[in-house]
PDB file of all heavy atoms in Angstrom:
ATOM      1  N   LYS A   1     -21.302 -54.921  56.942  1.00  0.00           N
ATOM      2  CA  LYS A   1     -21.262 -54.856  55.492  1.00  0.00           C
ATOM      3  C   LYS A   1     -19.954 -55.452  54.934  1.00  0.00           C
ATOM      4  O   LYS A   1     -19.037 -55.693  55.657  1.00  0.00           O
ATOM      5  CB  LYS A   1     -21.365 -53.407  55.032  1.00  0.00           C
ATOM      6  CG  LYS A   1     -22.652 -52.685  55.436  1.00  0.00           C
ATOM      7  CD  LYS A   1     -22.699 -51.261  54.970  1.00  0.00           C
ATOM      8  CE  LYS A   1     -22.952 -51.217  53.491  1.00  0.00           C
ATOM      9  NZ  LYS A   1     -23.207 -49.794  52.993  1.00  0.00           N
ATOM     10  N   VAL A   2     -20.032 -55.769  53.577  1.00  0.00           N
ATOM     11  CA  VAL A   2     -18.858 -56.240  52.924  1.00  0.00           C
ATOM     12  C   VAL A   2     -18.407 -55.092  51.961  1.00  0.00           C
ATOM     13  O   VAL A   2     -19.205 -54.350  51.448  1.00  0.00           O
ATOM     14  CB  VAL A   2     -19.083 -57.533  52.109  1.00  0.00           C
ATOM     15  CG1 VAL A   2     -19.446 -58.663  53.047  1.00  0.00           C
ATOM     16  CG2 VAL A   2     -20.206 -57.343  51.081  1.00  0.00           C
ATOM     17  N   SER A   3     -17.092 -55.078  51.716  1.00  0.00           N
ATOM     18  CA  SER A   3     -16.557 -53.988  50.865  1.00  0.00           C
ATOM     19  C   SER A   3     -16.675 -54.407  49.382  1.00  0.00           C
ATOM     20  O   SER A   3     -16.758 -53.507  48.510  1.00  0.00           O
ATOM     21  CB  SER A   3     -15.107 -53.722  51.171  1.00  0.00           C
ATOM     22  OG  SER A   3     -14.341 -54.904  51.046  1.00  0.00           O
ATOM     23  N   THR A   4     -16.789 -55.698  49.103  1.00  0.00           N
ATOM     24  CA  THR A   4     -16.894 -56.132  47.713  1.00  0.00           C
ATOM     25  C   THR A   4     -17.689 -57.423  47.658  1.00  0.00           C
ATOM     26  O   THR A   4     -17.702 -58.207  48.621  1.00  0.00           O
ATOM     27  CB  THR A   4     -15.508 -56.338  47.048  1.00  0.00           C
ATOM     28  OG1 THR A   4     -15.656 -56.726  45.722  1.00  0.00           O
ATOM     29  CG2 THR A   4     -14.730 -57.436  47.827  1.00  0.00           C
ATOM     30  N   ILE A   5     -18.333 -57.693  46.540  1.00  0.00           N
ATOM     31  CA  ILE A   5     -19.054 -58.931  46.330  1.00  0.00           C
ATOM     32  C   ILE A   5     -18.102 -59.884  45.571  1.00  0.00           C
ATOM     33  O   ILE A   5     -17.623 -59.498  44.493  1.00  0.00           O
ATOM     34  CB  ILE A   5     -20.347 -58.728  45.512  1.00  0.00           C
ATOM     35  CG1 ILE A   5     -21.277 -57.796  46.253  1.00  0.00           C
ATOM     36  CG2 ILE A   5     -21.021 -60.062  45.230  1.00  0.00           C
ATOM     37  CD1 ILE A   5     -22.512 -57.390  45.435  1.00  0.00           C
ATOM     38  N   PRO A   6     -17.767 -61.048  46.084  1.00  0.00           N
ATOM     39  CA  PRO A   6     -16.840 -61.917  45.383  1.00  0.00           C
ATOM     40  C   PRO A   6     -17.276 -62.367  44.017  1.00  0.00           C
ATOM     41  O   PRO A   6     -18.502 -62.559  43.757  1.00  0.00           O
ATOM     42  CB  PRO A   6     -16.695 -63.088  46.326  1.00  0.00           C
ATOM     43  CG  PRO A   6     -17.922 -63.088  47.167  1.00  0.00           C
ATOM     44  CD  PRO A   6     -18.324 -61.667  47.287  1.00  0.00           C
ATOM     45  N   SER A   7     -16.357 -62.466  43.084  1.00  0.00           N
ATOM     46  CA  SER A   7     -16.674 -62.922  41.737  1.00  0.00           C
ATOM     47  C   SER A   7     -16.608 -64.465  41.620  1.00  0.00           C
ATOM     48  O   SER A   7     -17.297 -65.057  40.777  1.00  0.00           O
ATOM     49  CB  SER A   7     -15.714 -62.264  40.730  1.00  0.00           C
ATOM     50  OG  SER A   7     -14.374 -62.604  41.037  1.00  0.00           O
ATOM     51  N   LYS A   8     -15.724 -65.088  42.463  1.00  0.00           N
ATOM     52  CA  LYS A   8     -15.648 -66.555  42.405  1.00  0.00           C
ATOM     53  C   LYS A   8     -16.892 -67.150  42.940  1.00  0.00           C
ATOM     54  O   LYS A   8     -17.423 -66.746  44.026  1.00  0.00           O
ATOM     55  CB  LYS A   8     -14.464 -67.000  43.224  1.00  0.00           C
ATOM     56  CG  LYS A   8     -13.096 -66.636  42.563  1.00  0.00           C
ATOM     57  CD  LYS A   8     -11.919 -67.297  43.322  1.00  0.00           C
ATOM     58  CE  LYS A   8     -10.593 -66.966  42.550  1.00  0.00           C
ATOM     59  NZ  LYS A   8      -9.458 -67.607  43.252  1.00  0.00           N
ATOM     60  N   GLU A   9     -17.418 -68.172  42.226  1.00  0.00           N
ATOM     61  CA  GLU A   9     -18.716 -68.729  42.530  1.00  0.00           C
ATOM     62  C   GLU A   9     -18.854 -69.292  43.938  1.00  0.00           C
ATOM     63  O   GLU A   9     -19.790 -69.033  44.622  1.00  0.00           O
ATOM     64  CB  GLU A   9     -18.983 -69.901  41.504  1.00  0.00           C
ATOM     65  CG  GLU A   9     -19.297 -69.386  40.111  1.00  0.00           C
ATOM     66  CD  GLU A   9     -20.655 -68.726  40.001  1.00  0.00           C
ATOM     67  OE1 GLU A   9     -21.618 -69.444  39.900  1.00  0.00           O
ATOM     68  OE2 GLU A   9     -20.742 -67.473  39.995  1.00  0.00           O
ATOM     69  N   LYS A  10     -17.842 -70.074  44.367  1.00  0.00           N
ATOM     70  CA  LYS A  10     -17.928 -70.669  45.691  1.00  0.00           C
ATOM     71  C   LYS A  10     -17.976 -69.624  46.785  1.00  0.00           C
ATOM     72  O   LYS A  10     -18.760 -69.717  47.724  1.00  0.00           O
ATOM     73  CB  LYS A  10     -16.766 -71.627  45.905  1.00  0.00           C
ATOM     74  CG  LYS A  10     -16.814 -72.361  47.259  1.00  0.00           C
ATOM     75  CD  LYS A  10     -15.670 -73.371  47.443  1.00  0.00           C
ATOM     76  CE  LYS A  10     -15.895 -74.619  46.606  1.00  0.00           C
ATOM     77  NZ  LYS A  10     -14.946 -75.719  47.015  1.00  0.00           N
ATOM     78  N   ARG A  11     -17.180 -68.586  46.656  1.00  0.00           N
ATOM     79  CA  ARG A  11     -17.180 -67.493  47.676  1.00  0.00           C
ATOM     80  C   ARG A  11     -18.493 -66.773  47.669  1.00  0.00           C
ATOM     81  O   ARG A  11     -19.000 -66.380  48.692  1.00  0.00           O
ATOM     82  CB  ARG A  11     -16.008 -66.582  47.414  1.00  0.00           C
ATOM     83  CG  ARG A  11     -14.643 -67.163  47.656  1.00  0.00           C
ATOM     84  CD  ARG A  11     -13.497 -66.213  47.362  1.00  0.00           C
ATOM     85  NE  ARG A  11     -12.197 -66.767  47.539  1.00  0.00           N
ATOM     86  CZ  ARG A  11     -11.029 -66.158  47.341  1.00  0.00           C
ATOM     87  NH1 ARG A  11     -11.079 -64.882  46.954  1.00  0.00           N
ATOM     88  NH2 ARG A  11      -9.933 -66.748  47.488  1.00  0.00           N
ATOM     89  N   LYS A  12     -19.027 -66.565  46.429  1.00  0.00           N
ATOM     90  CA  LYS A  12     -20.313 -65.913  46.332  1.00  0.00           C
ATOM     91  C   LYS A  12     -21.432 -66.695  47.037  1.00  0.00           C
ATOM     92  O   LYS A  12     -22.288 -66.159  47.702  1.00  0.00           O
ATOM     93  CB  LYS A  12     -20.675 -65.690  44.854  1.00  0.00           C
ATOM     94  CG  LYS A  12     -21.870 -64.772  44.628  1.00  0.00           C
ATOM     95  CD  LYS A  12     -22.175 -64.684  43.144  1.00  0.00           C
ATOM     96  CE  LYS A  12     -21.036 -64.036  42.382  1.00  0.00           C
ATOM     97  NZ  LYS A  12     -21.308 -63.913  40.941  1.00  0.00           N
ATOM     98  N   LEU A  13     -21.393 -68.042  46.877  1.00  0.00           N
ATOM     99  CA  LEU A  13     -22.398 -68.880  47.490  1.00  0.00           C
ATOM    100  C   LEU A  13     -22.270 -68.820  48.990  1.00  0.00           C
ATOM    101  O   LEU A  13     -23.275 -68.794  49.721  1.00  0.00           O
ATOM    102  CB  LEU A  13     -22.247 -70.336  47.001  1.00  0.00           C
ATOM    103  CG  LEU A  13     -22.752 -70.620  45.587  1.00  0.00           C
ATOM    104  CD1 LEU A  13     -22.284 -71.935  45.071  1.00  0.00           C
ATOM    105  CD2 LEU A  13     -24.297 -70.598  45.607  1.00  0.00           C
ATOM    106  N   ILE A  14     -21.041 -68.838  49.493  1.00  0.00           N
ATOM    107  CA  ILE A  14     -20.848 -68.714  50.966  1.00  0.00           C
ATOM    108  C   ILE A  14     -21.430 -67.378  51.478  1.00  0.00           C
ATOM    109  O   ILE A  14     -22.111 -67.362  52.501  1.00  0.00           O
ATOM    110  CB  ILE A  14     -19.340 -68.802  51.268  1.00  0.00           C
ATOM    111  CG1 ILE A  14     -18.861 -70.236  51.016  1.00  0.00           C
ATOM    112  CG2 ILE A  14     -19.068 -68.396  52.742  1.00  0.00           C
ATOM    113  CD1 ILE A  14     -17.324 -70.388  51.171  1.00  0.00           C
ATOM    114  N   LEU A  15     -21.221 -66.334  50.711  1.00  0.00           N
ATOM    115  CA  LEU A  15     -21.730 -65.023  51.078  1.00  0.00           C
ATOM    116  C   LEU A  15     -23.292 -65.051  51.082  1.00  0.00           C
ATOM    117  O   LEU A  15     -23.903 -64.583  52.026  1.00  0.00           O
ATOM    118  CB  LEU A  15     -21.257 -63.974  50.116  1.00  0.00           C
ATOM    119  CG  LEU A  15     -21.385 -62.502  50.548  1.00  0.00           C
ATOM    120  CD1 LEU A  15     -20.384 -62.190  51.668  1.00  0.00           C
ATOM    121  CD2 LEU A  15     -21.170 -61.559  49.372  1.00  0.00           C
ATOM    122  N   LEU A  16     -23.856 -65.587  50.020  1.00  0.00           N
ATOM    123  CA  LEU A  16     -25.356 -65.621  49.877  1.00  0.00           C
ATOM    124  C   LEU A  16     -25.897 -66.521  50.982  1.00  0.00           C
ATOM    125  O   LEU A  16     -26.987 -66.203  51.564  1.00  0.00           O
ATOM    126  CB  LEU A  16     -25.731 -66.152  48.533  1.00  0.00           C
ATOM    127  CG  LEU A  16     -25.389 -65.256  47.383  1.00  0.00           C
ATOM    128  CD1 LEU A  16     -25.711 -65.954  46.057  1.00  0.00           C
ATOM    129  CD2 LEU A  16     -26.123 -63.927  47.420  1.00  0.00           C
ATOM    130  N   ASN A  17     -25.229 -67.641  51.305  1.00  0.00           N
ATOM    131  CA  ASN A  17     -25.729 -68.523  52.392  1.00  0.00           C
ATOM    132  C   ASN A  17     -25.831 -67.788  53.697  1.00  0.00           C
ATOM    133  O   ASN A  17     -26.733 -68.080  54.500  1.00  0.00           O
ATOM    134  CB  ASN A  17     -24.714 -69.696  52.562  1.00  0.00           C
ATOM    135  CG  ASN A  17     -25.239 -70.989  51.942  1.00  0.00           C
ATOM    136  OD1 ASN A  17     -26.440 -71.205  51.871  1.00  0.00           O
ATOM    137  ND2 ASN A  17     -24.279 -71.808  51.512  1.00  0.00           N
ATOM    138  N   HIS A  18     -24.912 -66.889  53.879  1.00  0.00           N
ATOM    139  CA  HIS A  18     -24.955 -66.057  55.182  1.00  0.00           C
ATOM    140  C   HIS A  18     -25.946 -64.927  55.084  1.00  0.00           C
ATOM    141  O   HIS A  18     -26.715 -64.696  56.004  1.00  0.00           O
ATOM    142  CB  HIS A  18     -23.582 -65.531  55.420  1.00  0.00           C
ATOM    143  CG  HIS A  18     -23.495 -64.714  56.657  1.00  0.00           C
ATOM    144  ND1 HIS A  18     -23.603 -65.253  57.945  1.00  0.00           N
ATOM    145  CD2 HIS A  18     -23.371 -63.351  56.873  1.00  0.00           C
ATOM    146  CE1 HIS A  18     -23.562 -64.294  58.814  1.00  0.00           C
ATOM    147  NE2 HIS A  18     -23.414 -63.130  58.245  1.00  0.00           N
ATOM    148  N   ILE A  19     -26.006 -64.243  53.949  1.00  0.00           N
ATOM    149  CA  ILE A  19     -26.922 -63.098  53.800  1.00  0.00           C
ATOM    150  C   ILE A  19     -28.360 -63.521  53.981  1.00  0.00           C
ATOM    151  O   ILE A  19     -29.198 -62.822  54.595  1.00  0.00           O
ATOM    152  CB  ILE A  19     -26.722 -62.450  52.445  1.00  0.00           C
ATOM    153  CG1 ILE A  19     -25.323 -61.778  52.378  1.00  0.00           C
ATOM    154  CG2 ILE A  19     -27.809 -61.405  52.133  1.00  0.00           C
ATOM    155  CD1 ILE A  19     -24.987 -61.308  50.974  1.00  0.00           C
ATOM    156  N   VAL A  20     -28.745 -64.684  53.429  1.00  0.00           N
ATOM    157  CA  VAL A  20     -30.133 -65.116  53.410  1.00  0.00           C
ATOM    158  C   VAL A  20     -30.667 -65.278  54.822  1.00  0.00           C
ATOM    159  O   VAL A  20     -31.908 -65.197  55.078  1.00  0.00           O
ATOM    160  CB  VAL A  20     -30.319 -66.397  52.569  1.00  0.00           C
ATOM    161  CG1 VAL A  20     -29.864 -67.645  53.334  1.00  0.00           C
ATOM    162  CG2 VAL A  20     -31.736 -66.551  52.141  1.00  0.00           C
ATOM    163  N   LYS A  21     -29.781 -65.494  55.790  1.00  0.00           N
ATOM    164  CA  LYS A  21     -30.200 -65.638  57.204  1.00  0.00           C
ATOM    165  C   LYS A  21     -30.761 -64.374  57.783  1.00  0.00           C
ATOM    166  O   LYS A  21     -31.420 -64.389  58.841  1.00  0.00           O
ATOM    167  CB  LYS A  21     -29.032 -66.153  58.022  1.00  0.00           C
ATOM    168  CG  LYS A  21     -28.555 -67.528  57.646  1.00  0.00           C
ATOM    169  CD  LYS A  21     -27.262 -67.908  58.444  1.00  0.00           C
ATOM    170  CE  LYS A  21     -26.743 -69.214  57.981  1.00  0.00           C
ATOM    171  NZ  LYS A  21     -25.477 -69.595  58.652  1.00  0.00           N
ATOM    172  N   ARG A  22     -30.559 -63.274  57.097  1.00  0.00           N
ATOM    173  CA  ARG A  22     -31.071 -61.979  57.584  1.00  0.00           C
ATOM    174  C   ARG A  22     -32.566 -61.827  57.270  1.00  0.00           C
ATOM    175  O   ARG A  22     -33.193 -60.823  57.650  1.00  0.00           O
ATOM    176  CB  ARG A  22     -30.306 -60.807  56.996  1.00  0.00           C
ATOM    177  CG  ARG A  22     -28.817 -60.834  57.311  1.00  0.00           C
ATOM    178  CD  ARG A  22     -28.081 -59.565  56.968  1.00  0.00           C
ATOM    179  NE  ARG A  22     -26.628 -59.627  57.256  1.00  0.00           N
ATOM    180  CZ  ARG A  22     -25.780 -58.631  57.231  1.00  0.00           C
ATOM    181  NH1 ARG A  22     -26.275 -57.384  56.903  1.00  0.00           N
ATOM    182  NH2 ARG A  22     -24.523 -58.793  57.503  1.00  0.00           N
ATOM    183  N   PHE A  23     -33.118 -62.768  56.526  1.00  0.00           N
ATOM    184  CA  PHE A  23     -34.532 -62.725  56.107  1.00  0.00           C
ATOM    185  C   PHE A  23     -35.340 -63.752  56.855  1.00  0.00           C
ATOM    186  O   PHE A  23     -34.886 -64.909  57.037  1.00  0.00           O
ATOM    187  CB  PHE A  23     -34.655 -62.926  54.589  1.00  0.00           C
ATOM    188  CG  PHE A  23     -34.042 -61.839  53.771  1.00  0.00           C
ATOM    189  CD1 PHE A  23     -32.708 -61.923  53.379  1.00  0.00           C
ATOM    190  CD2 PHE A  23     -34.799 -60.717  53.418  1.00  0.00           C
ATOM    191  CE1 PHE A  23     -32.135 -60.916  52.611  1.00  0.00           C
ATOM    192  CE2 PHE A  23     -34.196 -59.692  52.657  1.00  0.00           C
ATOM    193  CZ  PHE A  23     -32.881 -59.769  52.249  1.00  0.00           C
ATOM    194  N   ASN A  24     -36.549 -63.362  57.189  1.00  0.00           N
ATOM    195  CA  ASN A  24     -37.479 -64.272  57.883  1.00  0.00           C
ATOM    196  C   ASN A  24     -38.103 -65.258  56.832  1.00  0.00           C
ATOM    197  O   ASN A  24     -38.703 -64.760  55.883  1.00  0.00           O
ATOM    198  CB  ASN A  24     -38.594 -63.429  58.573  1.00  0.00           C
ATOM    199  CG  ASN A  24     -39.536 -64.300  59.363  1.00  0.00           C
ATOM    200  OD1 ASN A  24     -39.655 -65.481  59.182  1.00  0.00           O
ATOM    201  ND2 ASN A  24     -40.241 -63.640  60.296  1.00  0.00           N
ATOM    202  N   PRO A  25     -37.955 -66.555  57.016  1.00  0.00           N
ATOM    203  CA  PRO A  25     -38.485 -67.502  56.028  1.00  0.00           C
ATOM    204  C   PRO A  25     -40.017 -67.506  55.970  1.00  0.00           C
ATOM    205  O   PRO A  25     -40.571 -68.030  55.011  1.00  0.00           O
ATOM    206  CB  PRO A  25     -37.938 -68.798  56.513  1.00  0.00           C
ATOM    207  CG  PRO A  25     -37.680 -68.671  57.954  1.00  0.00           C
ATOM    208  CD  PRO A  25     -37.287 -67.259  58.111  1.00  0.00           C
ATOM    209  N   ASP A  26     -40.659 -66.958  56.940  1.00  0.00           N
ATOM    210  CA  ASP A  26     -42.193 -66.957  57.008  1.00  0.00           C
ATOM    211  C   ASP A  26     -42.755 -65.635  56.601  1.00  0.00           C
ATOM    212  O   ASP A  26     -43.947 -65.415  56.727  1.00  0.00           O
ATOM    213  CB  ASP A  26     -42.631 -67.335  58.402  1.00  0.00           C
ATOM    214  CG  ASP A  26     -42.224 -68.714  58.834  1.00  0.00           C
ATOM    215  OD1 ASP A  26     -42.257 -69.625  57.964  1.00  0.00           O
ATOM    216  OD2 ASP A  26     -41.949 -68.949  59.990  1.00  0.00           O
ATOM    217  N   LYS A  27     -41.923 -64.733  56.043  1.00  0.00           N
ATOM    218  CA  LYS A  27     -42.402 -63.442  55.644  1.00  0.00           C
ATOM    219  C   LYS A  27     -42.277 -63.193  54.147  1.00  0.00           C
ATOM    220  O   LYS A  27     -41.329 -63.652  53.550  1.00  0.00           O
ATOM    221  CB  LYS A  27     -41.605 -62.332  56.429  1.00  0.00           C
ATOM    222  CG  LYS A  27     -42.019 -60.917  56.067  1.00  0.00           C
ATOM    223  CD  LYS A  27     -41.231 -59.866  56.835  1.00  0.00           C
ATOM    224  CE  LYS A  27     -41.599 -58.477  56.383  1.00  0.00           C
ATOM    225  NZ  LYS A  27     -40.810 -57.437  57.126  1.00  0.00           N
ATOM    226  N   GLN A  28     -43.170 -62.436  53.620  1.00  0.00           N
ATOM    227  CA  GLN A  28     -43.102 -61.985  52.224  1.00  0.00           C
ATOM    228  C   GLN A  28     -42.626 -60.535  52.243  1.00  0.00           C
ATOM    229  O   GLN A  28     -43.093 -59.704  53.066  1.00  0.00           O
ATOM    230  CB  GLN A  28     -44.435 -62.067  51.504  1.00  0.00           C
ATOM    231  CG  GLN A  28     -44.880 -63.471  51.175  1.00  0.00           C
ATOM    232  CD  GLN A  28     -45.987 -63.522  50.175  1.00  0.00           C
ATOM    233  OE1 GLN A  28     -46.660 -62.502  49.893  1.00  0.00           O
ATOM    234  NE2 GLN A  28     -46.245 -64.652  49.587  1.00  0.00           N
ATOM    235  N   TYR A  29     -41.639 -60.230  51.371  1.00  0.00           N
ATOM    236  CA  TYR A  29     -41.013 -58.918  51.366  1.00  0.00           C
ATOM    237  C   TYR A  29     -41.392 -58.145  50.113  1.00  0.00           C
ATOM    238  O   TYR A  29     -41.453 -58.719  49.011  1.00  0.00           O
ATOM    239  CB  TYR A  29     -39.521 -59.047  51.467  1.00  0.00           C
ATOM    240  CG  TYR A  29     -38.981 -59.597  52.764  1.00  0.00           C
ATOM    241  CD1 TYR A  29     -38.933 -60.953  52.997  1.00  0.00           C
ATOM    242  CD2 TYR A  29     -38.494 -58.747  53.731  1.00  0.00           C
ATOM    243  CE1 TYR A  29     -38.471 -61.486  54.231  1.00  0.00           C
ATOM    244  CE2 TYR A  29     -38.026 -59.214  54.924  1.00  0.00           C
ATOM    245  CZ  TYR A  29     -38.001 -60.590  55.199  1.00  0.00           C
ATOM    246  OH  TYR A  29     -37.513 -61.047  56.358  1.00  0.00           O
ATOM    247  N   THR A  30     -41.650 -56.870  50.281  1.00  0.00           N
ATOM    248  CA  THR A  30     -41.689 -56.069  49.070  1.00  0.00           C
ATOM    249  C   THR A  30     -40.276 -55.783  48.555  1.00  0.00           C
ATOM    250  O   THR A  30     -39.307 -56.059  49.242  1.00  0.00           O
ATOM    251  CB  THR A  30     -42.326 -54.684  49.398  1.00  0.00           C
ATOM    252  OG1 THR A  30     -41.484 -53.982  50.301  1.00  0.00           O
ATOM    253  CG2 THR A  30     -43.729 -54.879  50.016  1.00  0.00           C
ATOM    254  N   GLU A  31     -40.186 -55.269  47.339  1.00  0.00           N
ATOM    255  CA  GLU A  31     -38.810 -54.987  46.789  1.00  0.00           C
ATOM    256  C   GLU A  31     -38.093 -53.973  47.628  1.00  0.00           C
ATOM    257  O   GLU A  31     -36.917 -54.076  47.921  1.00  0.00           O
ATOM    258  CB  GLU A  31     -38.951 -54.474  45.361  1.00  0.00           C
ATOM    259  CG  GLU A  31     -37.588 -54.293  44.667  1.00  0.00           C
ATOM    260  CD  GLU A  31     -37.736 -53.999  43.203  1.00  0.00           C
ATOM    261  OE1 GLU A  31     -38.251 -54.879  42.459  1.00  0.00           O
ATOM    262  OE2 GLU A  31     -37.326 -52.865  42.792  1.00  0.00           O
ATOM    263  N   LYS A  32     -38.825 -52.988  48.141  1.00  0.00           N
ATOM    264  CA  LYS A  32     -38.167 -51.965  49.021  1.00  0.00           C
ATOM    265  C   LYS A  32     -37.656 -52.594  50.306  1.00  0.00           C
ATOM    266  O   LYS A  32     -36.560 -52.276  50.788  1.00  0.00           O
ATOM    267  CB  LYS A  32     -39.211 -50.867  49.367  1.00  0.00           C
ATOM    268  CG  LYS A  32     -38.587 -49.777  50.231  1.00  0.00           C
ATOM    269  CD  LYS A  32     -39.626 -48.708  50.590  1.00  0.00           C
ATOM    270  CE  LYS A  32     -38.962 -47.571  51.395  1.00  0.00           C
ATOM    271  NZ  LYS A  32     -38.322 -48.078  52.630  1.00  0.00           N
ATOM    272  N   GLU A  33     -38.451 -53.526  50.899  1.00  0.00           N
ATOM    273  CA  GLU A  33     -38.009 -54.204  52.123  1.00  0.00           C
ATOM    274  C   GLU A  33     -36.793 -55.044  51.837  1.00  0.00           C
ATOM    275  O   GLU A  33     -35.852 -55.135  52.639  1.00  0.00           O
ATOM    276  CB  GLU A  33     -39.168 -55.029  52.677  1.00  0.00           C
ATOM    277  CG  GLU A  33     -40.277 -54.228  53.285  1.00  0.00           C
ATOM    278  CD  GLU A  33     -41.474 -55.040  53.657  1.00  0.00           C
ATOM    279  OE1 GLU A  33     -41.730 -56.101  52.998  1.00  0.00           O
ATOM    280  OE2 GLU A  33     -42.221 -54.696  54.596  1.00  0.00           O
ATOM    281  N   MET A  34     -36.718 -55.742  50.688  1.00  0.00           N
ATOM    282  CA  MET A  34     -35.604 -56.534  50.288  1.00  0.00           C
ATOM    283  C   MET A  34     -34.388 -55.606  50.227  1.00  0.00           C
ATOM    284  O   MET A  34     -33.291 -55.903  50.756  1.00  0.00           O
ATOM    285  CB  MET A  34     -35.790 -57.171  48.910  1.00  0.00           C
ATOM    286  CG  MET A  34     -36.695 -58.430  48.935  1.00  0.00           C
ATOM    287  SD  MET A  34     -35.811 -59.888  49.506  1.00  0.00           S
ATOM    288  CE  MET A  34     -34.705 -60.189  48.127  1.00  0.00           C
ATOM    289  N   ASN A  35     -34.554 -54.480  49.513  1.00  0.00           N
ATOM    290  CA  ASN A  35     -33.441 -53.550  49.344  1.00  0.00           C
ATOM    291  C   ASN A  35     -32.925 -52.980  50.669  1.00  0.00           C
ATOM    292  O   ASN A  35     -31.697 -52.859  50.868  1.00  0.00           O
ATOM    293  CB  ASN A  35     -33.885 -52.386  48.393  1.00  0.00           C
ATOM    294  CG  ASN A  35     -34.174 -52.841  46.993  1.00  0.00           C
ATOM    295  OD1 ASN A  35     -33.762 -53.947  46.603  1.00  0.00           O
ATOM    296  ND2 ASN A  35     -34.883 -51.973  46.252  1.00  0.00           N
ATOM    297  N   ASP A  36     -33.811 -52.691  51.561  1.00  0.00           N
ATOM    298  CA  ASP A  36     -33.457 -52.131  52.857  1.00  0.00           C
ATOM    299  C   ASP A  36     -32.551 -53.113  53.617  1.00  0.00           C
ATOM    300  O   ASP A  36     -31.572 -52.661  54.257  1.00  0.00           O
ATOM    301  CB  ASP A  36     -34.684 -51.809  53.692  1.00  0.00           C
ATOM    302  CG  ASP A  36     -35.456 -50.603  53.155  1.00  0.00           C
ATOM    303  OD1 ASP A  36     -34.827 -49.846  52.394  1.00  0.00           O
ATOM    304  OD2 ASP A  36     -36.619 -50.407  53.548  1.00  0.00           O
ATOM    305  N   VAL A  37     -32.899 -54.419  53.582  1.00  0.00           N
ATOM    306  CA  VAL A  37     -32.026 -55.413  54.228  1.00  0.00           C
ATOM    307  C   VAL A  37     -30.678 -55.524  53.549  1.00  0.00           C
ATOM    308  O   VAL A  37     -29.635 -55.510  54.163  1.00  0.00           O
ATOM    309  CB  VAL A  37     -32.740 -56.785  54.283  1.00  0.00           C
ATOM    310  CG1 VAL A  37     -31.789 -57.838  54.829  1.00  0.00           C
ATOM    311  CG2 VAL A  37     -34.042 -56.717  55.089  1.00  0.00           C
ATOM    312  N   LEU A  38     -30.693 -55.560  52.230  1.00  0.00           N
ATOM    313  CA  LEU A  38     -29.455 -55.800  51.458  1.00  0.00           C
ATOM    314  C   LEU A  38     -28.561 -54.589  51.474  1.00  0.00           C
ATOM    315  O   LEU A  38     -27.334 -54.757  51.316  1.00  0.00           O
ATOM    316  CB  LEU A  38     -29.831 -56.200  50.030  1.00  0.00           C
ATOM    317  CG  LEU A  38     -30.577 -57.527  49.890  1.00  0.00           C
ATOM    318  CD1 LEU A  38     -30.992 -57.763  48.425  1.00  0.00           C
ATOM    319  CD2 LEU A  38     -29.674 -58.703  50.398  1.00  0.00           C
ATOM    320  N   LYS A  39     -29.100 -53.376  51.648  1.00  0.00           N
ATOM    321  CA  LYS A  39     -28.259 -52.218  51.784  1.00  0.00           C
ATOM    322  C   LYS A  39     -27.328 -52.304  53.004  1.00  0.00           C
ATOM    323  O   LYS A  39     -26.271 -51.666  53.060  1.00  0.00           O
ATOM    324  CB  LYS A  39     -29.126 -50.949  51.896  1.00  0.00           C
ATOM    325  CG  LYS A  39     -29.736 -50.539  50.596  1.00  0.00           C
ATOM    326  CD  LYS A  39     -30.682 -49.310  50.808  1.00  0.00           C
ATOM    327  CE  LYS A  39     -31.359 -48.906  49.509  1.00  0.00           C
ATOM    328  NZ  LYS A  39     -32.328 -47.781  49.737  1.00  0.00           N
ATOM    329  N   GLY A  40     -27.741 -53.137  53.988  1.00  0.00           N
ATOM    330  CA  GLY A  40     -26.918 -53.384  55.161  1.00  0.00           C
ATOM    331  C   GLY A  40     -25.780 -54.332  54.896  1.00  0.00           C
ATOM    332  O   GLY A  40     -24.978 -54.583  55.815  1.00  0.00           O
TER     333      GLY A  40
END
């Protein structure tokens, strides 16, 4: 986990670029499933 979400755009993009790898590109997620991954 991260302790804080960066406010600077470039840092936020780097974070999102990494986070998105936790999701399967061939799967559809419910909102609950999205939340469960992001809570991590």
